[in-house]
């Protein structure tokens, strides 16, 4: 699956995953699971992501996001990563 930077320590990994989930949640909840560039920038800021961190979402064979003209689209890999991690966090919060 898509290689998210974990920072090495377990606590840091959790923080990075939560930031990524907050960012991808905006795509998952959007109509057609896609956003325009200005909405992507707002979502990244709200999730606490740097520009470099956002770029990492577009890299790799299983990148969670892809560009489609003016749209930024959640890929099937990104959707699966989001849902898997959502299930993990929900099960650990009960």
Protein backbone atom coordinates (compact mmCIF):
# COMPACT_ATOMS: atom_id res chain seq x y z
CA UNK A 1 0.00 0.00 0.00
CA UNK A 2 0.94 3.64 -0.35
CA UNK A 3 4.02 4.47 1.76
CA UNK A 4 3.05 7.08 4.33
CA UNK A 5 5.92 8.63 6.25
CA UNK A 6 5.61 7.50 9.84
CA UNK A 7 8.42 9.41 11.49
CA UNK A 8 9.76 6.20 13.02
CA UNK A 9 8.07 6.12 16.43
CA UNK A 10 4.63 4.64 16.99
CA UNK A 11 3.17 7.86 18.38
CA UNK A 12 4.48 9.82 15.42
CA UNK A 13 3.08 7.23 13.03
CA UNK A 14 -0.35 7.70 14.58
CA UNK A 15 -0.16 11.46 14.12
CA UNK A 16 0.87 11.15 10.47
CA UNK A 17 -1.90 8.66 9.75
CA UNK A 18 -4.48 10.91 11.42
CA UNK A 19 -3.31 13.90 9.35
CA UNK A 20 -3.51 11.81 6.17
CA UNK A 21 -6.95 10.53 7.11
CA UNK A 22 -8.20 14.04 7.80
CA UNK A 23 -6.96 15.13 4.38
CA UNK A 24 -8.35 12.13 2.48
CA UNK A 25 -11.67 12.38 4.33
CA UNK A 26 -12.33 15.59 2.37
CA UNK A 27 -11.97 13.65 -0.89
CA UNK A 28 -13.97 10.67 0.36
CA UNK A 29 -16.86 12.95 1.36
CA UNK A 30 -16.78 15.11 -1.79
CA UNK A 31 -19.10 14.54 -4.75
CA UNK A 32 -17.42 12.04 -7.11
CA UNK A 33 -14.58 11.88 -4.53
CA UNK A 34 -12.71 14.73 -6.19
CA UNK A 35 -11.71 18.31 -5.35
CA UNK A 36 -10.46 21.36 -7.22
CA UNK A 37 -7.02 22.80 -6.43
CA UNK A 38 -8.26 25.54 -4.09
CA UNK A 39 -10.25 22.97 -2.09
CA UNK A 40 -7.19 20.70 -1.93
CA UNK A 41 -5.14 23.57 -0.49
CA UNK A 42 -7.81 24.26 2.15
CA UNK A 43 -8.07 20.56 3.02
CA UNK A 44 -4.28 20.30 3.38
CA UNK A 45 -4.15 23.34 5.65
CA UNK A 46 -7.01 22.01 7.78
CA UNK A 47 -5.21 18.65 8.09
CA UNK A 48 -1.91 20.31 9.03
CA UNK A 49 -0.03 19.06 5.96
CA UNK A 50 2.91 20.77 4.28
CA UNK A 51 3.14 21.20 0.52
CA UNK A 52 5.74 18.42 0.41
CA UNK A 53 3.44 16.09 2.33
CA UNK A 54 0.61 16.79 -0.10
CA UNK A 55 2.87 15.98 -3.06
CA UNK A 56 3.56 12.54 -1.57
CA UNK A 57 -0.11 11.64 -2.05
CA UNK A 58 0.47 11.65 -5.84
CA UNK A 59 3.58 9.44 -5.93
CA UNK A 60 3.86 5.71 -6.48
CA UNK A 61 2.02 2.89 -8.12
CA UNK A 62 -0.70 2.94 -5.45
CA UNK A 63 -0.86 6.71 -4.94
CA UNK A 64 -4.01 7.73 -3.08
CA UNK A 65 -4.61 10.76 -5.33
CA UNK A 66 -4.25 11.54 -9.02
CA UNK A 67 -4.75 14.61 -11.21
CA UNK A 68 -7.48 14.66 -13.83
CA UNK A 69 -7.29 18.04 -15.55
CA UNK A 70 -8.49 20.58 -12.96
CA UNK A 71 -9.60 17.88 -10.54
CA UNK A 72 -7.69 15.99 -7.83
CA UNK A 73 -9.28 12.55 -7.54
CA UNK A 74 -9.24 9.92 -4.79
CA UNK A 75 -7.98 6.68 -6.35
CA UNK A 76 -9.28 3.22 -5.50
CA UNK A 77 -6.04 2.63 -3.55
CA UNK A 78 -6.55 5.88 -1.63
CA UNK A 79 -10.14 4.99 -0.86
CA UNK A 80 -9.13 1.53 0.37
CA UNK A 81 -6.33 2.97 2.54
CA UNK A 82 -8.74 5.50 4.05
CA UNK A 83 -11.42 2.88 4.78
CA UNK A 84 -8.92 0.38 6.23
CA UNK A 85 -7.49 2.99 8.57
CA UNK A 86 -10.92 4.30 9.49
CA UNK A 87 -11.94 0.77 10.49
CA UNK A 88 -8.73 0.44 12.52
CA UNK A 89 -9.28 3.69 14.42
CA UNK A 90 -12.97 2.97 15.03
CA UNK A 91 -12.20 -0.51 16.39
CA UNK A 92 -9.49 0.88 18.69
CA UNK A 93 -11.72 3.63 20.05
CA UNK A 94 -14.41 1.25 21.31
